[in-house]
Amino acid sequence: MSEKALEKAWSDHSRLWEHNIWVYPVISRRAGGLSIGINLNLDKRCSFDCAYCQVDRTIPGKKQEVDIARIEEEIETIIAAYEKNGLADFSTFKDVEEEKREIKDISLSGDGESTTVKEFPEVCKLMRKMQDKYPNHPLKLTLITNATMLGLPSVREGLKTLTEKRGEIWAKLDAGSSEWYKKINRSAVSLEKIQQNIESAVKDFPLRIQTLFCKIKDEFPSEKEIELYIARLKRIYEVSPKNLLGIQLYGVVRHTATPDVHPLEKSFLENVARKIQREIPTEVDIY
């Protein structure tokens, strides 16, 4: 298997697959294999406007009612294709070795923020149903979220279902200071509100922090910025050490919709990881 084939699969997170509308397969670095993604945001609605986002919002999205029955059908179609030959027929995956195509999870991750969709609790119920329907596949359930909506009662209702059996929240925290947050995430929701939402969620649900570090033009996070970021992690850890499952540090590998966003050296992430582990006894992974 060519490493280039795997890198290509990692970098290609297209939401399109066959005739599916809502559901797509990807080879995910962080999931460690094949992830079945659910894109609830065909309209590209998001409460963040991240500098590093791959979604081009200059092209309007589609306004479409979430179709739960269609989503279920599309998940089943992908699992059937996987059971046939590990999705080896899919052009993006055909040169990736079988063990790297092992199915790992069903993930809410698309062209926007999944928790903004009113059908979110119902979609979480469907995901749990799929876990029970396919017991031969130890499917984990994952919500990849920017954490802006985690405090809403309807979202918490969905999270109870999602995390009932091998379910996790992967919450975004990309900054320690409001200044860097405004440059990187560009949201009307304050960084303090994000912090509060994550702290509230980790009290009750298993959660990982996902952090992307990158360079914007010639600027990258300073030592002071990293100190403030780690201080925020410590606050989250202290709320519930058992529910903070770990920290995921990663960089840019896919084409970004806005220019002047560049990856940092792996050594930068390794240095941040060492600093985190000196302060917090939790798992830190680099991707």
Foldseek 3Di string as FASTA:
>chain_A
DDPVLVLLQQQDPDQDDDPADFWDWGLHPVLQAIEIEGEPPQQLDAQWDFQFAAAAVVDGGDDDADDLVSVLVVVVVVVVCCVVPLVCVPVSCVPPDNSRSQYEAYEHDHSYFLVVHLCLLVNLQSRLVVCVVCVVRNYAYEYEGQLLCLPDPSNVNSQCSNQVHNYEYAYEDAWLDQVVCCVGTVGPRGSVSSLVSLLVQLLPAAYEYEYEWWFAQNDGQDPVTLVSSLVSVVSSCVSPVVRHQEYEYEYDSYDGNHPRIGTDDVVVVVVSVVVNVVPHVHYYHYD
